[in-house]
Protein backbone atom coordinates (compact mmCIF):
# COMPACT_ATOMS: atom_id res chain seq x y z
CA MET A 1 0.00 0.00 0.00
CA HIS A 2 1.36 3.41 -0.96
CA THR A 3 0.39 6.66 0.64
CA THR A 4 0.48 8.25 -2.78
CA THR A 5 -2.72 6.39 -3.69
CA ARG A 6 -4.04 6.04 -0.14
CA PRO A 7 -3.45 9.45 1.45
CA TRP A 8 -5.19 8.40 4.69
CA LEU A 9 -2.36 6.07 5.69
CA GLN A 10 -0.09 9.04 6.48
CA SER A 11 -2.75 10.22 8.97
CA TYR A 12 -2.98 6.89 10.84
CA PRO A 13 -2.13 6.90 14.55
CA GLU A 14 1.05 5.11 15.55
CA GLY A 15 0.38 1.42 16.15
CA VAL A 16 -2.55 1.10 13.71
CA PRO A 17 -1.63 -1.20 10.78
CA ALA A 18 -2.50 -0.45 7.14
CA THR A 19 -4.05 -3.90 6.71
CA ILE A 20 -5.52 -6.69 8.82
CA ASP A 21 -5.14 -10.45 8.39
CA VAL A 22 -8.65 -11.62 7.44
CA GLU A 23 -7.52 -15.24 7.79
CA THR A 24 -7.11 -14.91 11.60
CA HIS A 25 -10.47 -16.71 12.05
CA ARG A 26 -12.19 -18.93 9.48
CA SER A 27 -15.63 -17.93 10.73
CA LEU A 28 -17.52 -16.17 13.50
CA ILE A 29 -17.95 -19.62 15.11
CA ASP A 30 -14.17 -19.92 15.37
CA LEU A 31 -13.91 -16.37 16.78
CA LEU A 32 -16.63 -16.99 19.39
CA ASP A 33 -15.20 -20.39 20.40
CA THR A 34 -11.79 -18.79 21.02
CA SER A 35 -13.23 -15.74 22.82
CA PHE A 36 -15.65 -17.67 25.08
CA HIS A 37 -12.89 -20.10 26.12
CA ARG A 38 -10.32 -17.32 26.73
CA HIS A 39 -12.66 -15.18 28.82
CA ALA A 40 -14.80 -17.93 30.40
CA SER A 41 -14.46 -16.64 33.98
CA ARG A 42 -15.18 -13.00 33.08
CA GLN A 43 -18.54 -11.25 33.15
CA ALA A 44 -19.89 -10.96 29.59
CA ALA A 45 -22.93 -8.90 30.52
CA LEU A 46 -24.68 -7.05 33.29
CA PHE A 47 -28.48 -7.13 33.03
CA LEU A 48 -30.76 -5.54 35.63
CA GLY A 49 -27.76 -5.64 37.96
CA GLN A 50 -27.23 -9.41 37.38
CA PRO A 51 -23.80 -10.48 36.03
CA ILE A 52 -23.77 -13.15 33.29
CA SER A 53 -20.44 -14.90 32.58
CA PHE A 54 -18.93 -15.77 29.22
CA ARG A 55 -19.04 -19.41 30.40
CA THR A 56 -22.83 -19.17 30.77
CA ILE A 57 -23.25 -17.62 27.29
CA ASP A 58 -20.97 -20.34 25.92
CA GLU A 59 -22.76 -23.30 27.53
CA GLN A 60 -26.30 -22.08 26.89
CA SER A 61 -25.59 -21.20 23.25
CA VAL A 62 -24.14 -24.68 22.59
CA ALA A 63 -27.30 -26.18 24.14
CA LEU A 64 -29.70 -23.94 22.20
CA GLY A 65 -27.72 -24.59 18.99
CA ALA A 66 -28.08 -28.36 19.51
CA TRP A 67 -31.82 -27.91 20.13
CA LEU A 68 -32.23 -25.92 16.89
CA GLN A 69 -30.46 -28.68 14.98
CA SER A 70 -32.81 -31.22 16.60
CA ARG A 71 -35.74 -29.37 14.96
CA GLY A 72 -34.36 -30.49 11.62
CA LEU A 73 -33.00 -27.04 10.64
CA ALA A 74 -30.32 -27.75 8.03
CA ARG A 75 -27.15 -25.72 7.55
CA GLY A 76 -27.92 -22.34 5.94
CA THR A 77 -31.51 -22.19 7.24
CA ARG A 78 -32.52 -18.69 8.36
CA VAL A 79 -33.48 -18.06 11.99
CA ALA A 80 -34.98 -14.70 13.04
CA LEU A 81 -34.12 -13.02 16.34
CA MET A 82 -36.62 -10.47 17.65
CA MET A 83 -35.55 -9.18 21.04
CA PRO A 84 -34.21 -6.04 22.69
CA ASN A 85 -30.84 -6.10 24.51
CA LEU A 86 -31.13 -9.15 26.75
CA PRO A 87 -28.62 -11.87 27.69
CA GLN A 88 -30.98 -14.26 25.84
CA TYR A 89 -30.11 -12.36 22.66
CA MET A 90 -26.41 -12.97 23.29
CA VAL A 91 -27.11 -16.69 23.73
CA ALA A 92 -29.44 -17.00 20.73
CA LEU A 93 -27.06 -15.16 18.39
CA ALA A 94 -24.16 -17.48 19.18
CA ALA A 95 -26.48 -20.53 19.10
CA VAL A 96 -27.76 -19.84 15.58
CA LEU A 97 -24.25 -19.31 14.21
CA ARG A 98 -22.79 -22.35 16.01
CA ALA A 99 -25.57 -24.52 14.58
CA GLY A 100 -24.47 -23.51 11.06
CA LEU A 101 -27.58 -21.39 10.54
CA ILE A 102 -28.08 -17.79 9.36
CA VAL A 103 -29.17 -14.97 11.68
CA VAL A 104 -31.96 -12.64 10.56
CA ASN A 105 -32.02 -9.71 12.98
CA VAL A 106 -35.49 -8.20 13.42
CA ASN A 107 -36.41 -4.90 15.04
CA PRO A 108 -38.76 -5.86 17.93
CA LEU A 109 -40.79 -2.68 17.41
CA TYR A 110 -41.77 -3.68 13.88
CA THR A 111 -45.41 -3.61 12.94
CA ALA A 112 -47.04 -6.84 11.78
CA ARG A 113 -46.68 -5.72 8.14
CA GLU A 114 -42.95 -5.00 8.51
CA LEU A 115 -42.35 -8.28 10.36
CA GLN A 116 -44.19 -10.29 7.73
CA HIS A 117 -42.13 -8.71 4.94
CA GLN A 118 -38.87 -9.61 6.63
CA LEU A 119 -39.83 -13.18 7.58
CA VAL A 120 -41.15 -13.89 4.08
CA ASP A 121 -38.28 -12.16 2.29
CA SER A 122 -35.63 -13.98 4.33
CA GLY A 123 -37.46 -17.33 4.30
CA ALA A 124 -36.90 -17.71 8.06
CA GLU A 125 -38.08 -21.10 9.39
CA ALA A 126 -37.62 -20.36 13.10
CA ILE A 127 -37.73 -17.32 15.37
CA VAL A 128 -36.48 -16.57 18.87
CA ILE A 129 -38.72 -13.80 20.19
CA LEU A 130 -39.41 -11.99 23.45
CA GLU A 131 -42.97 -12.78 24.55
CA ASN A 132 -43.72 -9.01 24.72
CA PHE A 133 -43.80 -9.03 20.90
CA ALA A 134 -45.47 -12.40 20.35
CA GLY A 135 -48.80 -10.67 19.62
CA THR A 136 -47.27 -9.07 16.51
CA LEU A 137 -45.92 -12.44 15.37
CA ALA A 138 -49.29 -14.14 15.98
CA GLU A 139 -50.95 -11.74 13.52
CA VAL A 140 -48.82 -12.87 10.59
CA LEU A 141 -47.30 -16.25 11.50
CA HIS A 142 -49.65 -18.19 9.19
CA GLN A 143 -48.47 -16.04 6.27
CA THR A 144 -44.75 -16.79 6.82
CA PRO A 145 -42.46 -19.84 6.48
CA VAL A 146 -41.80 -19.87 10.27
CA LYS A 147 -42.41 -23.31 11.82
CA HIS A 148 -40.63 -23.09 15.19
CA VAL A 149 -41.08 -20.34 17.77
CA VAL A 150 -38.83 -19.99 20.82
CA LEU A 151 -40.46 -17.70 23.39
CA ALA A 152 -38.18 -15.80 25.73
CA ALA A 153 -39.35 -13.93 28.84
CA MET A 154 -37.56 -10.88 30.22
CA GLY A 155 -36.24 -12.61 33.35
CA ASP A 156 -35.22 -15.99 31.82
CA MET A 157 -31.53 -15.72 32.68
CA LEU A 158 -31.88 -14.26 36.17
CA PRO A 159 -31.70 -16.36 39.38
CA PRO A 160 -35.05 -18.16 40.09
CA TRP A 161 -36.52 -15.71 42.62
CA ARG A 162 -35.62 -12.65 40.49
CA ARG A 163 -36.79 -14.40 37.33
CA HIS A 164 -40.27 -14.95 38.74
CA LEU A 165 -40.44 -11.43 40.15
CA VAL A 166 -39.29 -9.70 36.92
CA ASN A 167 -41.60 -11.82 34.75
CA PHE A 168 -44.55 -11.16 37.08
CA VAL A 169 -43.96 -7.39 37.00
CA VAL A 170 -43.49 -7.32 33.20
CA ARG A 171 -46.63 -9.44 32.57
CA HIS A 172 -49.07 -8.36 35.27
CA VAL A 173 -47.99 -5.02 36.75
CA ARG A 174 -46.67 -3.19 33.71
CA LYS A 175 -48.86 -5.30 31.38
CA MET A 176 -46.16 -5.35 28.71
CA VAL A 177 -47.14 -8.78 27.35
CA PRO A 178 -50.36 -8.54 25.33
CA GLU A 179 -52.51 -11.63 24.85
CA TYR A 180 -51.50 -13.81 21.91
CA ARG A 181 -52.21 -17.23 20.44
CA LEU A 182 -49.51 -19.06 18.57
CA PRO A 183 -50.37 -22.28 16.71
CA SER A 184 -48.67 -25.56 17.61
CA GLY A 185 -49.00 -28.96 15.92
CA ASN A 186 -49.14 -29.60 12.16
CA GLY A 187 -45.41 -28.98 11.92
CA HIS A 188 -45.50 -25.85 14.15
CA SER A 189 -43.87 -25.78 17.59
CA VAL A 190 -43.80 -23.21 20.40
CA THR A 191 -41.10 -23.73 23.04
CA ARG A 192 -40.06 -21.64 26.01
CA PHE A 193 -36.45 -20.37 25.84
CA ASN A 194 -35.34 -22.05 29.06
CA ASP A 195 -37.05 -25.33 28.05
CA ALA A 196 -35.21 -25.31 24.70
CA VAL A 197 -31.87 -24.69 26.46
CA ALA A 198 -32.58 -27.45 29.01
CA ALA A 199 -33.56 -29.94 26.27
CA GLY A 200 -30.52 -28.96 24.18
CA SER A 201 -28.14 -29.50 27.11
CA ARG A 202 -28.94 -33.24 26.82
CA LEU A 203 -28.09 -33.22 23.10
CA LYS A 204 -24.80 -32.88 21.25
CA LEU A 205 -24.16 -29.92 18.94
CA ALA A 206 -23.02 -31.12 15.52
CA ARG A 207 -20.14 -28.83 14.65
CA SER A 208 -20.83 -27.34 11.26
CA ALA A 209 -18.01 -26.94 8.71
CA VAL A 210 -18.84 -23.28 8.17
CA GLY A 211 -16.22 -21.30 6.27
CA PRO A 212 -15.46 -17.66 5.44
CA ASP A 213 -17.76 -17.60 2.39
CA ASP A 214 -20.84 -18.91 4.17
CA VAL A 215 -23.64 -16.45 4.99
CA ALA A 216 -23.75 -15.35 8.65
CA PHE A 217 -26.38 -12.58 8.66
CA LEU A 218 -29.19 -11.15 6.64
CA GLN A 219 -29.01 -7.61 7.96
CA TYR A 220 -32.00 -5.65 6.75
CA THR A 221 -31.36 -2.04 5.94
CA GLY A 222 -33.20 0.42 8.11
CA GLY A 223 -35.81 1.28 5.54
CA THR A 224 -35.05 4.99 5.69
CA THR A 225 -34.70 4.99 1.92
CA GLY A 226 -37.46 2.64 0.80
CA VAL A 227 -38.25 -1.10 0.93
CA SER A 228 -36.24 -2.98 3.49
CA LYS A 229 -33.58 -5.21 1.81
CA GLY A 230 -31.39 -7.90 3.35
CA ALA A 231 -27.67 -7.17 3.15
CA THR A 232 -26.01 -10.58 2.85
CA LEU A 233 -23.07 -10.57 5.27
CA LEU A 234 -20.66 -13.50 5.06
CA HIS A 235 -18.65 -14.79 7.99
CA ARG A 236 -15.54 -13.23 6.43
CA ASN A 237 -17.25 -9.80 6.20
CA VAL A 238 -18.11 -9.59 9.89
CA VAL A 239 -14.84 -11.21 11.08
CA ALA A 240 -12.94 -8.64 9.01
CA ASN A 241 -14.86 -5.72 10.53
CA ILE A 242 -14.26 -6.97 14.08
CA LEU A 243 -10.52 -7.19 13.35
CA GLN A 244 -10.56 -3.76 11.65
CA SER A 245 -12.26 -2.20 14.69
CA GLU A 246 -9.83 -3.93 17.04
CA ALA A 247 -6.85 -2.66 15.01
CA TRP A 248 -8.26 0.87 15.13
CA PHE A 249 -8.65 0.74 18.92
CA GLN A 250 -5.27 -0.98 19.46
CA PRO A 251 -3.31 2.07 20.74
CA MET A 252 -5.99 2.57 23.41
CA LEU A 253 -6.23 -1.15 24.20
CA ASP A 254 -2.47 -1.31 24.78
CA ARG A 255 -2.90 1.20 27.62
CA PHE A 256 -5.34 -1.09 29.41
CA GLY A 257 -3.38 -4.31 28.97
CA ASN A 258 -5.36 -7.25 30.37
CA GLN A 259 -7.74 -5.09 32.45
CA GLN A 260 -11.39 -5.85 31.70
CA MET A 261 -13.19 -2.95 30.09
CA THR A 262 -16.87 -2.10 30.51
CA SER A 263 -18.90 -0.95 27.51
CA VAL A 264 -22.43 0.47 27.49
CA CYS A 265 -24.71 -1.51 25.16
CA ALA A 266 -27.55 0.98 24.70
CA LEU A 267 -27.77 0.66 20.93
CA PRO A 268 -29.91 -2.34 19.97
CA LEU A 269 -28.00 -5.54 19.23
CA TYR A 270 -30.16 -6.19 16.17
CA HIS A 271 -28.54 -3.07 14.65
CA ILE A 272 -25.29 -3.73 12.82
CA PHE A 273 -23.33 -1.06 14.75
CA ALA A 274 -23.97 -2.63 18.17
CA LEU A 275 -23.76 -6.14 16.74
CA THR A 276 -20.17 -5.68 15.57
CA VAL A 277 -18.76 -3.07 17.96
CA SER A 278 -20.53 -4.20 21.15
CA TYR A 279 -21.31 -7.92 20.83
CA PHE A 280 -18.52 -9.37 18.70
CA LEU A 281 -15.69 -6.96 19.49
CA GLY A 282 -16.79 -7.11 23.14
CA ALA A 283 -16.51 -10.91 23.10
CA ARG A 284 -13.12 -10.84 21.39
CA LEU A 285 -11.75 -8.34 23.93
CA GLY A 286 -13.50 -9.96 26.90
CA GLN A 287 -15.48 -6.79 27.66
CA ARG A 288 -18.42 -6.56 30.02
CA LEU A 289 -21.53 -5.16 28.32
CA ILE A 290 -24.05 -3.24 30.42
CA LEU A 291 -27.21 -4.27 28.55
CA ILE A 292 -29.81 -1.52 28.18
CA PRO A 293 -33.10 -3.03 26.91
CA ASN A 294 -34.79 0.36 26.35
CA PRO A 295 -32.45 3.32 25.72
CA ARG A 296 -35.43 5.70 25.52
CA ASP A 297 -36.04 5.17 29.24
CA LEU A 298 -33.31 7.59 30.34
CA PRO A 299 -33.85 7.20 34.13
CA ALA A 300 -33.48 3.38 33.82
CA LEU A 301 -30.43 3.77 31.56
CA ILE A 302 -28.73 6.15 33.99
CA GLY A 303 -29.69 3.89 36.91
CA ALA A 304 -28.01 0.91 35.18
CA LEU A 305 -24.74 2.88 34.84
CA GLN A 306 -24.58 4.12 38.45
CA GLY A 307 -21.69 2.73 40.43
CA HIS A 308 -19.81 1.52 37.33
CA ARG A 309 -16.76 2.89 35.59
CA ILE A 310 -17.47 2.99 31.88
CA HIS A 311 -14.67 2.67 29.30
CA MET A 312 -16.58 2.63 25.99
CA PHE A 313 -19.89 4.22 25.03
CA PRO A 314 -21.04 3.66 21.42
CA ALA A 315 -24.15 5.71 20.59
CA VAL A 316 -25.93 7.85 18.01
CA ASN A 317 -26.22 11.64 18.09
CA THR A 318 -29.75 11.69 19.52
CA LEU A 319 -28.80 9.54 22.54
CA TYR A 320 -25.61 11.53 23.21
CA ASN A 321 -27.67 14.72 23.00
CA ALA A 322 -30.40 13.51 25.39
CA LEU A 323 -27.87 12.27 27.96
CA ALA A 324 -25.62 15.33 27.75
CA HIS A 325 -28.63 17.51 28.67
CA ASN A 326 -29.58 15.29 31.66
CA ALA A 327 -28.50 16.52 35.09
CA GLU A 328 -28.53 13.00 36.64
CA PHE A 329 -26.30 11.65 33.87
CA ALA A 330 -23.75 14.41 34.52
CA ARG A 331 -23.25 13.05 38.06
CA LEU A 332 -21.92 9.65 36.86
CA ASP A 333 -18.24 8.63 37.02
CA PHE A 334 -16.57 9.28 33.63
CA SER A 335 -13.00 9.08 34.89
CA GLN A 336 -12.31 5.92 32.84
CA LEU A 337 -14.29 6.79 29.70
CA VAL A 338 -11.81 6.62 26.79
CA VAL A 339 -13.98 5.98 23.70
CA SER A 340 -17.31 7.56 22.77
CA ASN A 341 -17.78 6.23 19.26
CA GLY A 342 -20.59 7.89 17.34
CA GLY A 343 -22.21 6.38 14.27
CA GLY A 344 -25.55 5.68 12.59
CA MET A 345 -26.14 9.36 11.75
CA ALA A 346 -24.15 12.61 11.64
CA VAL A 347 -22.86 13.77 15.01
CA GLN A 348 -23.77 17.41 15.51
CA GLN A 349 -21.10 19.84 16.68
CA ALA A 350 -23.32 21.23 19.44
CA THR A 351 -23.92 17.70 20.79
CA ALA A 352 -20.22 16.82 20.61
CA GLU A 353 -19.23 19.96 22.50
CA LYS A 354 -21.85 19.40 25.21
CA TRP A 355 -20.85 15.72 25.61
CA LEU A 356 -17.17 16.65 25.91
CA LYS A 357 -18.00 19.26 28.54
CA VAL A 358 -20.04 16.73 30.59
CA THR A 359 -17.85 13.61 30.25
CA GLY A 360 -14.40 14.90 29.31
CA CYS A 361 -14.35 12.37 26.46
CA PRO A 362 -14.68 13.59 22.84
CA ILE A 363 -17.03 11.78 20.43
CA ALA A 364 -15.01 9.99 17.75
CA GLU A 365 -17.40 9.84 14.82
CA GLY A 366 -17.27 6.92 12.43
CA TYR A 367 -19.24 5.92 9.38
CA GLY A 368 -20.64 2.77 7.92
CA LEU A 369 -23.70 0.94 6.68
CA SER A 370 -25.38 -2.44 7.08
CA GLU A 371 -23.76 -3.24 3.72
CA THR A 372 -20.24 -2.71 5.17
CA SER A 373 -20.70 -4.75 8.41
CA PRO A 374 -20.73 -1.66 9.27
CA VAL A 375 -17.49 0.27 9.94
CA ALA A 376 -15.87 1.87 6.88
CA THR A 377 -14.24 4.99 8.38
CA ALA A 378 -13.43 6.21 11.86
CA ASN A 379 -11.87 9.22 13.53
CA ARG A 380 -8.68 8.77 15.51
CA ILE A 381 -9.58 7.99 19.11
CA ASP A 382 -6.82 10.26 20.40
CA LEU A 383 -8.60 13.36 19.08
CA LYS A 384 -9.41 16.06 21.59
CA GLU A 385 -12.17 17.97 19.81
CA PHE A 386 -14.96 17.71 17.26
CA THR A 387 -13.61 17.38 13.71
CA GLY A 388 -16.80 17.50 11.62
CA THR A 389 -15.44 14.55 9.61
CA ILE A 390 -16.24 10.85 9.62
CA GLY A 391 -12.51 10.15 9.87
CA LEU A 392 -10.21 7.93 7.85
CA PRO A 393 -10.81 4.61 6.08
CA VAL A 394 -10.11 1.79 8.55
CA PRO A 395 -7.34 -0.78 7.80
CA SER A 396 -7.71 -2.81 4.57
CA THR A 397 -10.37 -0.38 3.32
CA ASP A 398 -10.31 1.83 0.23
CA ILE A 399 -12.56 4.86 -0.17
CA ALA A 400 -13.07 6.52 -3.55
CA ILE A 401 -15.08 9.72 -4.09
CA ARG A 402 -16.73 9.44 -7.51
CA ASP A 403 -18.95 11.47 -9.82
CA ASP A 404 -22.13 10.22 -11.53
CA ASP A 405 -20.02 8.75 -14.34
CA GLY A 406 -18.03 6.63 -11.89
CA GLN A 407 -14.88 8.75 -12.21
CA ASP A 408 -12.76 9.70 -9.18
CA VAL A 409 -13.04 13.40 -8.35
CA PRO A 410 -10.08 15.54 -7.16
CA ALA A 411 -9.44 16.00 -3.40
CA GLY A 412 -11.85 18.48 -1.86
CA GLN A 413 -14.57 17.93 -4.51
CA PRO A 414 -17.92 16.33 -3.54
CA GLY A 415 -18.92 12.98 -4.96
CA GLU A 416 -20.44 9.64 -3.98
CA ILE A 417 -18.58 7.77 -1.22
CA CYS A 418 -17.60 4.35 -2.62
CA ILE A 419 -16.18 1.65 -0.34
CA ARG A 420 -14.04 -1.42 -1.04
CA GLY A 421 -12.78 -3.85 1.55
CA PRO A 422 -13.24 -7.31 3.10
CA GLN A 423 -16.20 -6.00 5.18
CA VAL A 424 -18.33 -5.19 2.10
CA MET A 425 -21.40 -7.47 1.75
CA ALA A 426 -21.78 -10.19 -0.85
CA GLY A 427 -24.92 -8.41 -2.15
CA TYR A 428 -28.60 -8.00 -1.37
CA TRP A 429 -30.44 -11.20 -0.51
CA ARG A 430 -32.09 -12.55 -3.66
CA ARG A 431 -31.98 -9.15 -5.36
CA PRO A 432 -29.35 -9.37 -8.10
CA ASP A 433 -30.69 -6.24 -9.85
CA GLU A 434 -30.39 -4.15 -6.68
CA THR A 435 -26.92 -5.58 -6.06
CA ALA A 436 -25.80 -4.68 -9.58
CA GLN A 437 -26.93 -1.08 -9.02
CA VAL A 438 -24.69 -0.58 -5.98
CA MET A 439 -21.58 -2.63 -6.85
CA THR A 440 -18.99 -1.38 -9.35
CA ALA A 441 -16.90 -3.47 -11.72
CA ASP A 442 -13.77 -2.76 -9.62
CA GLY A 443 -15.40 -4.02 -6.41
CA TYR A 444 -16.61 -0.81 -4.76
CA PHE A 445 -19.93 -0.45 -2.97
CA LYS A 446 -21.76 2.78 -3.87
CA SER A 447 -23.02 4.15 -0.57
CA GLY A 448 -25.55 6.70 -1.85
CA ASP A 449 -23.88 9.27 0.41
CA ILE A 450 -22.14 12.40 -0.85
CA GLY A 451 -18.79 13.23 0.70
CA VAL A 452 -15.47 14.99 0.17
CA MET A 453 -12.00 13.73 1.00
CA ASP A 454 -9.21 16.16 1.85
CA GLU A 455 -5.53 15.72 0.99
CA ARG A 456 -4.89 14.02 4.39
CA GLY A 457 -7.48 11.30 3.65
CA TYR A 458 -10.18 12.59 6.03
CA VAL A 459 -13.71 12.20 4.70
CA ARG A 460 -16.50 14.64 5.42
CA ILE A 461 -20.04 13.55 4.68
CA VAL A 462 -22.15 16.14 2.95
CA ASP A 463 -25.39 14.21 2.66
CA ARG A 464 -27.42 11.42 1.17
CA LYS A 465 -27.97 11.80 -2.55
CA LYS A 466 -31.73 11.69 -2.22
CA ASP A 467 -31.83 14.15 0.68
CA MET A 468 -30.16 16.88 -1.33
CA ILE A 469 -32.32 19.99 -1.90
CA LEU A 470 -32.08 21.77 -5.24
CA VAL A 471 -32.78 25.51 -4.88
CA SER A 472 -32.59 27.48 -8.12
CA GLY A 473 -29.99 25.07 -9.45
CA PHE A 474 -27.88 25.21 -6.29
CA ASN A 475 -27.29 22.08 -4.21
CA VAL A 476 -28.29 22.49 -0.55
CA TYR A 477 -27.32 19.70 1.84
CA PRO A 478 -29.62 19.30 4.88
CA THR A 479 -26.76 18.17 7.11
CA GLU A 480 -25.00 21.52 6.70
CA ILE A 481 -28.19 23.42 7.65
CA GLU A 482 -28.78 21.17 10.67
CA GLN A 483 -25.17 21.40 11.89
CA VAL A 484 -25.30 25.20 11.96
CA VAL A 485 -28.83 25.57 13.38
CA ASN A 486 -28.01 23.08 16.16
CA LEU A 487 -25.29 25.46 17.36
CA HIS A 488 -27.98 28.02 18.27
CA PRO A 489 -28.29 27.91 22.08
CA GLY A 490 -32.11 27.84 21.93
CA VAL A 491 -32.24 24.72 19.72
CA LEU A 492 -32.32 21.16 21.08
CA GLU A 493 -32.46 19.41 17.71
CA CYS A 494 -33.63 20.07 14.18
CA ALA A 495 -34.10 18.62 10.71
CA ALA A 496 -34.15 20.21 7.25
CA ILE A 497 -36.04 18.98 4.19
CA GLY A 498 -36.81 20.24 0.70
CA ILE A 499 -40.35 21.40 -0.13
CA PRO A 500 -41.77 22.33 -3.57
CA ASP A 501 -41.49 26.02 -4.42
CA ALA A 502 -43.04 27.68 -7.47
CA ARG A 503 -40.18 30.15 -7.85
CA THR A 504 -37.06 28.20 -6.99
CA GLY A 505 -38.13 24.59 -7.66
CA GLU A 506 -37.45 23.61 -4.05
CA ALA A 507 -37.01 25.53 -0.83
CA VAL A 508 -35.66 24.61 2.61
CA LYS A 509 -38.07 23.85 5.42
CA LEU A 510 -36.72 23.58 8.96
CA PHE A 511 -38.29 21.59 11.82
CA VAL A 512 -37.05 22.60 15.28
CA VAL A 513 -37.38 21.23 18.81
CA LYS A 514 -36.72 24.07 21.27
CA ASP A 515 -34.25 23.92 24.15
CA ASP A 516 -35.30 27.43 25.18
CA PRO A 517 -39.11 27.88 25.28
CA ALA A 518 -38.64 31.61 24.57
CA LEU A 519 -37.06 30.95 21.16
CA ALA A 520 -39.14 32.68 18.48
CA GLU A 521 -39.30 32.12 14.74
CA GLU A 522 -37.91 35.60 14.01
CA ASP A 523 -34.88 34.93 16.26
CA LEU A 524 -34.05 31.80 14.33
CA ALA A 525 -34.69 33.47 10.97
CA ALA A 526 -32.26 36.26 11.90
CA TYR A 527 -29.67 33.67 12.96
CA CYS A 528 -30.06 31.82 9.62
CA LYS A 529 -29.76 35.11 7.71
CA GLU A 530 -26.50 35.67 9.53
CA ASN A 531 -25.11 32.22 8.83
CA PHE A 532 -26.40 31.16 5.39
CA THR A 533 -26.28 32.56 1.90
CA ALA A 534 -29.76 33.43 0.60
CA TYR A 535 -30.59 30.17 -1.22
CA LYS A 536 -29.71 28.07 1.85
CA ARG A 537 -31.94 29.95 4.28
CA PRO A 538 -35.06 28.11 5.46
CA LYS A 539 -38.17 29.51 3.84
CA LEU A 540 -40.38 27.90 6.50
CA ILE A 541 -39.65 27.16 10.17
CA GLU A 542 -41.94 24.84 12.11
CA PHE A 543 -41.59 24.16 15.84
CA ARG A 544 -42.33 20.64 17.05
CA ASP A 545 -42.37 18.94 20.46
CA GLU A 546 -40.35 16.05 18.99
CA LEU A 547 -38.99 14.77 15.69
CA PRO A 548 -39.79 11.33 14.19
CA LYS A 549 -36.97 8.87 14.76
CA SER A 550 -36.10 5.30 13.88
CA ASN A 551 -35.61 2.86 16.73
CA VAL A 552 -31.88 3.50 16.52
CA GLY A 553 -32.44 7.22 17.00
CA LYS A 554 -31.96 8.47 13.42
CA ILE A 555 -34.13 11.45 12.59
CA LEU A 556 -36.44 10.31 9.76
CA ARG A 557 -36.53 13.16 7.26
CA ARG A 558 -38.83 11.11 4.97
CA GLU A 559 -41.58 11.22 7.62
CA LEU A 560 -41.29 14.99 7.76
CA ARG A 561 -41.81 15.14 4.00
CA THR A 562 -45.25 13.48 4.15
């Protein structure tokens, strides 16, 4: 690799290699086997104050994997997982992979329609689901290929007395488990999670000869840009991204030596960011994950962190913003916090500055997609302030900035961010036409995001292609508007969209959630006049109590357009 063609290498921190060895592990099964054995005595998770060891995750996942095989699920069969952040998720994920099956991660807040689409599209024949969401499954089960249902309850992996108490409260006090009827017989089965694990413990797991080119995950894209599609992630893709992330963190890891680190797992494990950076990297490094089943419940989240020294905190801008403005959160111990890695959406400067002030730890923004397992770029973790960039390509990754004709553009010019590396998906599940649209002849994935790369190799994201607003022939990028407006002290968060305009084709409309109740439209209009050239200024400003967000916390501009 030459820095002449890869300018980012000259900007790498000392100790970060240019490439990683993707052959280190043949599969995720191999990686998990090694990690579980190495860290057996350590805590893998903390859930509702209860520690769960790597040994427990290891033993229960082998048992559940054997049970799944006993259902007649052949290698390569798809199994859906529909749970929030629970230790049962950690067990089920490893179980499916170890049984030689393919994981289909499902957002537990899906509607019946969305769930049906994903189960049918993936061809899933089994599902492990938290009973809280079984009502949604019951609505559509008969219209899907699913034959076997494993029902988990919130308290399954707690000690007996706590298990009964938690399950009683969830079911009868908080009434979080609606009534449901799931069919059994005629080839359908419904089994309780703990019963499946107990039955599987008496069976032997048949070790599957899974290799790097076998499919590990169907990771459905968030749907923020249309119909949800399954990104086909091979074992080699995800293994590569774990190793890339580890290499990037290596200078920091060297400082800690063999000390166990604690990471906050507030992002949902069904999302590719948490899946790779929290679950798999956590297992490889022997980290303890503090599992947060509902990150929107800020008091419960903050309560779960009290009394613990946190080392890593992956999150999205909206969660960082909410916590940084919370007085109780500010009282926690941040003395050991070394990595706040932001992803999933653009980190706003105002949020980053507030977070740094509260925690003393800067947000190191990265970038990636479901299609890239996900990490493609990351900021150096030794930075001391907000950079406004998504950082540098991680080891063994090439980034090209290209125009609509597929030609590389000069440094500093905007173009589509195109990514090549061992973490890039094999394609979209059973959608060769869609795959052909996003993959280039020279092996790059076309992200659909517009960015610029400077001469040092740092990439700055300008926006999604389809979010761009065209005002009188001028390109306006919503992210730029939002970044600047968010710096206004009276603004908590905002979003910009394009609206039809008879004179200019499109105009900018701004949606704002106030931080200061006294903020008036004319104040904000004057601020925008001061900060934006005429065509970029919002023509309309609308105040809202909240903005629509995905379950991961991304602001959904498409919902504001309707």
